[in-house]
Amino acid sequence: MHVFSECVVEDVDVDEDEESDSEETPIASKPLAHRSLWAVKEVNLDYDNAGKQRKLDLCELEELRDDAYECACACKDKFKRVHDAKLRLQKFEVGQKVWLYNSRLKLFPGKLKSKWMGPYSIVRIGNYGDIEIEDFEDHLRQVMNGHRLKPYLEATDFKGASKESVSFVTSSPDYMDV
């Protein structure tokens, strides 16, 4: 702190009779170092305590960053578990009918237009998820990734399912009869 105090120019007596020119530097003016010293004294800044406080703040920020990283990892694992739970293991068999996902980019495909093409018949199933399918009309064969296929359900598949009758017409409430 004594370095700053040495930079301070003590008040110099200036004769009021002498008028200084605007181009001349006034002799009695205090240098800029004095204003910075005044600001330091005004704030009562102690460099040692400020350094310790800054170090504590940096440690606290590092702890917050570590906590945020752990929380992000936990959230990522949770989302992964939820996503993996929604995935279904699809088992395809030779001769089964399937839909093929149309992944081509179209500018205006239409809101209600289906993205699935088919049905196709499975000819061969590979070891690494590759499935060879055949078109019923053209008998053209192509090899596709199994993720782009989903089973084709025919109307006969639903005949064995139990049917529930649901009535959409309900009786009017009592307060409507009045």
C-alpha atoms as a PDB file:
ATOM      1  CA  MET A   1       0.000   0.000   0.000  1.00  0.00           C
ATOM      2  CA  HIS A   2       2.929   2.347   0.526  1.00  0.00           C
ATOM      3  CA  VAL A   3       3.564   2.404  -3.237  1.00  0.00           C
ATOM      4  CA  PHE A   4       0.199   4.052  -3.792  1.00  0.00           C
ATOM      5  CA  SER A   5       0.752   6.535  -1.002  1.00  0.00           C
ATOM      6  CA  GLU A   6       4.035   7.611  -2.559  1.00  0.00           C
ATOM      7  CA  CYS A   7       2.219   8.353  -5.818  1.00  0.00           C
ATOM      8  CA  VAL A   8      -0.079  10.799  -4.093  1.00  0.00           C
ATOM      9  CA  VAL A   9       0.844  14.379  -4.605  1.00  0.00           C
ATOM     10  CA  GLU A  10       0.203  16.391  -1.512  1.00  0.00           C
ATOM     11  CA  ASP A  11      -1.912  19.452  -1.855  1.00  0.00           C
ATOM     12  CA  VAL A  12       0.223  22.156  -3.323  1.00  0.00           C
ATOM     13  CA  ASP A  13      -0.588  25.749  -2.572  1.00  0.00           C
ATOM     14  CA  VAL A  14      -1.504  27.521  -5.744  1.00  0.00           C
ATOM     15  CA  ASP A  15      -1.752  31.224  -5.960  1.00  0.00           C
ATOM     16  CA  GLU A  16      -5.230  32.208  -6.899  1.00  0.00           C
ATOM     17  CA  ASP A  17      -3.852  35.193  -8.724  1.00  0.00           C
ATOM     18  CA  GLU A  18      -2.280  33.045 -11.381  1.00  0.00           C
ATOM     19  CA  GLU A  19      -4.726  31.818 -13.955  1.00  0.00           C
ATOM     20  CA  SER A  20      -3.732  28.722 -15.843  1.00  0.00           C
ATOM     21  CA  ASP A  21      -4.182  28.342 -19.523  1.00  0.00           C
ATOM     22  CA  SER A  22      -6.429  25.504 -20.746  1.00  0.00           C
ATOM     23  CA  GLU A  23      -3.544  24.069 -22.721  1.00  0.00           C
ATOM     24  CA  GLU A  24      -1.215  23.957 -19.750  1.00  0.00           C
ATOM     25  CA  THR A  25      -1.324  21.105 -17.285  1.00  0.00           C
ATOM     26  CA  PRO A  26      -2.273  22.430 -13.907  1.00  0.00           C
ATOM     27  CA  ILE A  27       0.526  21.936 -11.439  1.00  0.00           C
ATOM     28  CA  ALA A  28      -1.691  21.526  -8.414  1.00  0.00           C
ATOM     29  CA  SER A  29      -3.873  18.769  -9.901  1.00  0.00           C
ATOM     30  CA  LYS A  30      -3.613  15.336  -8.372  1.00  0.00           C
ATOM     31  CA  PRO A  31      -2.442  12.467 -10.586  1.00  0.00           C
ATOM     32  CA  LEU A  32      -4.658   9.560 -11.647  1.00  0.00           C
ATOM     33  CA  ALA A  33      -2.901   7.217  -9.219  1.00  0.00           C
ATOM     34  CA  HIS A  34      -4.348   9.192  -6.356  1.00  0.00           C
ATOM     35  CA  ARG A  35      -7.896   8.622  -7.619  1.00  0.00           C
ATOM     36  CA  SER A  36      -7.334   4.869  -7.846  1.00  0.00           C
ATOM     37  CA  LEU A  37      -5.870   4.882  -4.338  1.00  0.00           C
ATOM     38  CA  TRP A  38      -8.879   6.826  -3.150  1.00  0.00           C
ATOM     39  CA  ALA A  39     -11.180   4.217  -4.740  1.00  0.00           C
ATOM     40  CA  VAL A  40      -9.245   1.391  -3.068  1.00  0.00           C
ATOM     41  CA  LYS A  41      -9.403   3.103   0.305  1.00  0.00           C
ATOM     42  CA  GLU A  42     -13.077   3.920  -0.186  1.00  0.00           C
ATOM     43  CA  VAL A  43     -13.951   0.310  -0.835  1.00  0.00           C
ATOM     44  CA  ASN A  44     -11.547  -0.746   1.916  1.00  0.00           C
ATOM     45  CA  LEU A  45     -10.167  -3.478  -0.303  1.00  0.00           C
ATOM     46  CA  ASP A  46      -7.708  -5.813   1.269  1.00  0.00           C
ATOM     47  CA  TYR A  47      -5.834  -7.760  -1.389  1.00  0.00           C
ATOM     48  CA  ASP A  48      -5.130 -10.780   0.819  1.00  0.00           C
ATOM     49  CA  ASN A  49      -8.755 -11.212   1.822  1.00  0.00           C
ATOM     50  CA  ALA A  50      -9.884 -10.563  -1.743  1.00  0.00           C
ATOM     51  CA  GLY A  51      -7.501 -13.250  -3.023  1.00  0.00           C
ATOM     52  CA  LYS A  52      -8.778 -15.734  -0.442  1.00  0.00           C
ATOM     53  CA  GLN A  53     -12.380 -14.885  -1.300  1.00  0.00           C
ATOM     54  CA  ARG A  54     -11.701 -15.316  -5.018  1.00  0.00           C
ATOM     55  CA  LYS A  55     -10.079 -18.698  -4.375  1.00  0.00           C
ATOM     56  CA  LEU A  56     -13.112 -19.780  -2.328  1.00  0.00           C
ATOM     57  CA  ASP A  57     -15.450 -18.622  -5.104  1.00  0.00           C
ATOM     58  CA  LEU A  58     -13.467 -20.577  -7.696  1.00  0.00           C
ATOM     59  CA  CYS A  59     -13.583 -23.711  -5.535  1.00  0.00           C
ATOM     60  CA  GLU A  60     -17.325 -23.275  -5.106  1.00  0.00           C
ATOM     61  CA  LEU A  61     -17.779 -22.891  -8.871  1.00  0.00           C
ATOM     62  CA  GLU A  62     -15.758 -26.041  -9.450  1.00  0.00           C
ATOM     63  CA  GLU A  63     -17.950 -27.958  -6.983  1.00  0.00           C
ATOM     64  CA  LEU A  64     -21.085 -26.664  -8.717  1.00  0.00           C
ATOM     65  CA  ARG A  65     -19.683 -27.740 -12.083  1.00  0.00           C
ATOM     66  CA  ASP A  66     -18.923 -31.227 -10.744  1.00  0.00           C
ATOM     67  CA  ASP A  67     -22.447 -31.508  -9.301  1.00  0.00           C
ATOM     68  CA  ALA A  68     -23.954 -30.390 -12.605  1.00  0.00           C
ATOM     69  CA  TYR A  69     -21.867 -32.986 -14.469  1.00  0.00           C
ATOM     70  CA  GLU A  70     -23.037 -35.765 -12.140  1.00  0.00           C
ATOM     71  CA  CYS A  71     -26.648 -34.616 -12.487  1.00  0.00           C
ATOM     72  CA  ALA A  72     -26.333 -34.527 -16.281  1.00  0.00           C
ATOM     73  CA  CYS A  73     -24.925 -38.067 -16.297  1.00  0.00           C
ATOM     74  CA  ALA A  74     -27.788 -39.269 -14.090  1.00  0.00           C
ATOM     75  CA  CYS A  75     -30.378 -37.621 -16.363  1.00  0.00           C
ATOM     76  CA  LYS A  76     -28.729 -39.113 -19.440  1.00  0.00           C
ATOM     77  CA  ASP A  77     -28.843 -42.596 -17.903  1.00  0.00           C
ATOM     78  CA  LYS A  78     -32.491 -42.102 -16.954  1.00  0.00           C
ATOM     79  CA  PHE A  79     -33.452 -41.002 -20.477  1.00  0.00           C
ATOM     80  CA  LYS A  80     -31.522 -43.949 -21.910  1.00  0.00           C
ATOM     81  CA  ARG A  81     -33.412 -46.403 -19.677  1.00  0.00           C
ATOM     82  CA  VAL A  82     -36.769 -44.858 -20.643  1.00  0.00           C
ATOM     83  CA  HIS A  83     -35.900 -44.949 -24.344  1.00  0.00           C
ATOM     84  CA  ASP A  84     -34.599 -48.513 -24.204  1.00  0.00           C
ATOM     85  CA  ALA A  85     -37.748 -49.629 -22.373  1.00  0.00           C
ATOM     86  CA  LYS A  86     -39.856 -48.369 -25.282  1.00  0.00           C
ATOM     87  CA  LEU A  87     -37.891 -50.347 -27.844  1.00  0.00           C
ATOM     88  CA  ARG A  88     -39.422 -53.653 -28.776  1.00  0.00           C
ATOM     89  CA  LEU A  89     -37.417 -56.622 -29.863  1.00  0.00           C
ATOM     90  CA  GLN A  90     -38.777 -57.493 -33.286  1.00  0.00           C
ATOM     91  CA  LYS A  91     -38.402 -61.079 -34.367  1.00  0.00           C
ATOM     92  CA  PHE A  92     -38.960 -61.663 -38.042  1.00  0.00           C
ATOM     93  CA  GLU A  93     -39.422 -65.024 -39.738  1.00  0.00           C
ATOM     94  CA  VAL A  94     -38.974 -66.118 -43.335  1.00  0.00           C
ATOM     95  CA  GLY A  95     -42.258 -65.769 -45.235  1.00  0.00           C
ATOM     96  CA  GLN A  96     -43.645 -63.127 -42.884  1.00  0.00           C
ATOM     97  CA  LYS A  97     -45.222 -60.006 -44.374  1.00  0.00           C
ATOM     98  CA  VAL A  98     -43.667 -56.674 -43.390  1.00  0.00           C
ATOM     99  CA  TRP A  99     -43.965 -52.935 -44.024  1.00  0.00           C
ATOM    100  CA  LEU A 100     -40.944 -50.996 -45.312  1.00  0.00           C
ATOM    101  CA  TYR A 101     -40.319 -47.463 -44.021  1.00  0.00           C
ATOM    102  CA  ASN A 102     -39.994 -44.918 -46.830  1.00  0.00           C
ATOM    103  CA  SER A 103     -37.159 -42.653 -45.700  1.00  0.00           C
ATOM    104  CA  ARG A 104     -36.787 -40.633 -48.897  1.00  0.00           C
ATOM    105  CA  LEU A 105     -37.045 -36.901 -48.421  1.00  0.00           C
ATOM    106  CA  LYS A 106     -40.052 -35.423 -50.156  1.00  0.00           C
ATOM    107  CA  LEU A 107     -40.897 -31.757 -50.169  1.00  0.00           C
ATOM    108  CA  PHE A 108     -44.641 -32.094 -49.699  1.00  0.00           C
ATOM    109  CA  PRO A 109     -45.452 -35.691 -48.708  1.00  0.00           C
ATOM    110  CA  GLY A 110     -48.919 -34.867 -47.414  1.00  0.00           C
ATOM    111  CA  LYS A 111     -50.162 -34.840 -43.882  1.00  0.00           C
ATOM    112  CA  LEU A 112     -52.083 -38.101 -43.975  1.00  0.00           C
ATOM    113  CA  LYS A 113     -49.940 -39.961 -46.491  1.00  0.00           C
ATOM    114  CA  SER A 114     -48.396 -43.124 -45.101  1.00  0.00           C
ATOM    115  CA  LYS A 115     -44.629 -43.375 -44.763  1.00  0.00           C
ATOM    116  CA  TRP A 116     -44.755 -47.169 -44.917  1.00  0.00           C
ATOM    117  CA  MET A 117     -44.611 -49.059 -48.211  1.00  0.00           C
ATOM    118  CA  GLY A 118     -45.583 -52.608 -48.803  1.00  0.00           C
ATOM    119  CA  PRO A 119     -46.423 -55.253 -47.907  1.00  0.00           C
ATOM    120  CA  TYR A 120     -43.268 -57.205 -48.639  1.00  0.00           C
ATOM    121  CA  SER A 121     -42.385 -60.806 -47.920  1.00  0.00           C
ATOM    122  CA  ILE A 122     -39.224 -61.805 -46.049  1.00  0.00           C
ATOM    123  CA  VAL A 123     -36.999 -64.111 -48.115  1.00  0.00           C
ATOM    124  CA  ARG A 124     -33.826 -64.330 -46.019  1.00  0.00           C
ATOM    125  CA  ILE A 125     -32.680 -63.114 -42.599  1.00  0.00           C
ATOM    126  CA  GLY A 126     -28.983 -62.315 -42.190  1.00  0.00           C
ATOM    127  CA  ASN A 127     -26.818 -62.593 -39.096  1.00  0.00           C
ATOM    128  CA  TYR A 128     -26.240 -58.855 -38.640  1.00  0.00           C
ATOM    129  CA  GLY A 129     -29.777 -57.447 -38.892  1.00  0.00           C
ATOM    130  CA  ASP A 130     -29.917 -57.438 -42.680  1.00  0.00           C
ATOM    131  CA  ILE A 131     -33.147 -58.796 -44.110  1.00  0.00           C
ATOM    132  CA  GLU A 132     -33.834 -59.607 -47.745  1.00  0.00           C
ATOM    133  CA  ILE A 133     -37.379 -58.740 -48.776  1.00  0.00           C
ATOM    134  CA  GLU A 134     -39.359 -59.391 -51.953  1.00  0.00           C
ATOM    135  CA  ASP A 135     -42.117 -57.305 -53.492  1.00  0.00           C
ATOM    136  CA  PHE A 136     -45.360 -59.197 -54.227  1.00  0.00           C
ATOM    137  CA  GLU A 137     -46.089 -57.407 -57.506  1.00  0.00           C
ATOM    138  CA  ASP A 138     -42.688 -57.124 -59.204  1.00  0.00           C
ATOM    139  CA  HIS A 139     -40.885 -59.957 -57.372  1.00  0.00           C
ATOM    140  CA  LEU A 140     -37.902 -57.622 -56.937  1.00  0.00           C
ATOM    141  CA  ARG A 141     -35.607 -58.483 -54.061  1.00  0.00           C
ATOM    142  CA  GLN A 142     -33.718 -55.977 -51.958  1.00  0.00           C
ATOM    143  CA  VAL A 143     -31.706 -56.164 -48.760  1.00  0.00           C
ATOM    144  CA  MET A 144     -32.826 -53.819 -45.981  1.00  0.00           C
ATOM    145  CA  ASN A 145     -31.884 -53.042 -42.424  1.00  0.00           C
ATOM    146  CA  GLY A 146     -34.224 -54.701 -39.934  1.00  0.00           C
ATOM    147  CA  HIS A 147     -34.861 -51.367 -38.204  1.00  0.00           C
ATOM    148  CA  ARG A 148     -36.697 -50.117 -41.296  1.00  0.00           C
ATOM    149  CA  LEU A 149     -39.253 -52.950 -41.158  1.00  0.00           C
ATOM    150  CA  LYS A 150     -42.312 -53.569 -39.037  1.00  0.00           C
ATOM    151  CA  PRO A 151     -44.707 -56.518 -39.061  1.00  0.00           C
ATOM    152  CA  TYR A 152     -47.702 -56.404 -41.385  1.00  0.00           C
ATOM    153  CA  LEU A 153     -50.874 -57.321 -39.518  1.00  0.00           C
ATOM    154  CA  GLU A 154     -53.695 -58.693 -41.617  1.00  0.00           C
ATOM    155  CA  ALA A 155     -57.389 -58.710 -40.750  1.00  0.00           C
ATOM    156  CA  THR A 156     -57.191 -62.439 -39.984  1.00  0.00           C
ATOM    157  CA  ASP A 157     -54.764 -61.666 -37.160  1.00  0.00           C
ATOM    158  CA  PHE A 158     -57.500 -59.803 -35.294  1.00  0.00           C
ATOM    159  CA  LYS A 159     -60.233 -62.466 -35.567  1.00  0.00           C
ATOM    160  CA  GLY A 160     -58.994 -64.331 -32.518  1.00  0.00           C
ATOM    161  CA  ALA A 161     -58.777 -61.196 -30.401  1.00  0.00           C
ATOM    162  CA  SER A 162     -61.517 -60.504 -27.910  1.00  0.00           C
ATOM    163  CA  LYS A 163     -63.918 -57.783 -28.914  1.00  0.00           C
ATOM    164  CA  GLU A 164     -65.476 -55.334 -26.523  1.00  0.00           C
ATOM    165  CA  SER A 165     -68.550 -53.381 -27.400  1.00  0.00           C
ATOM    166  CA  VAL A 166     -68.377 -49.731 -26.519  1.00  0.00           C
ATOM    167  CA  SER A 167     -71.485 -47.610 -26.615  1.00  0.00           C
ATOM    168  CA  PHE A 168     -70.941 -43.980 -27.456  1.00  0.00           C
ATOM    169  CA  VAL A 169     -74.563 -43.063 -26.767  1.00  0.00           C
ATOM    170  CA  THR A 170     -75.234 -42.492 -23.117  1.00  0.00           C
ATOM    171  CA  SER A 171     -78.452 -41.838 -21.343  1.00  0.00           C
ATOM    172  CA  SER A 172     -79.157 -38.217 -20.597  1.00  0.00           C
ATOM    173  CA  PRO A 173     -78.573 -37.073 -17.027  1.00  0.00           C
ATOM    174  CA  ASP A 174     -81.529 -36.529 -14.699  1.00  0.00           C
ATOM    175  CA  TYR A 175     -81.241 -32.768 -14.721  1.00  0.00           C
ATOM    176  CA  MET A 176     -81.805 -32.740 -18.518  1.00  0.00           C
ATOM    177  CA  ASP A 177     -85.279 -34.359 -18.198  1.00  0.00           C
ATOM    178  CA  VAL A 178     -86.789 -31.392 -16.405  1.00  0.00           C
END
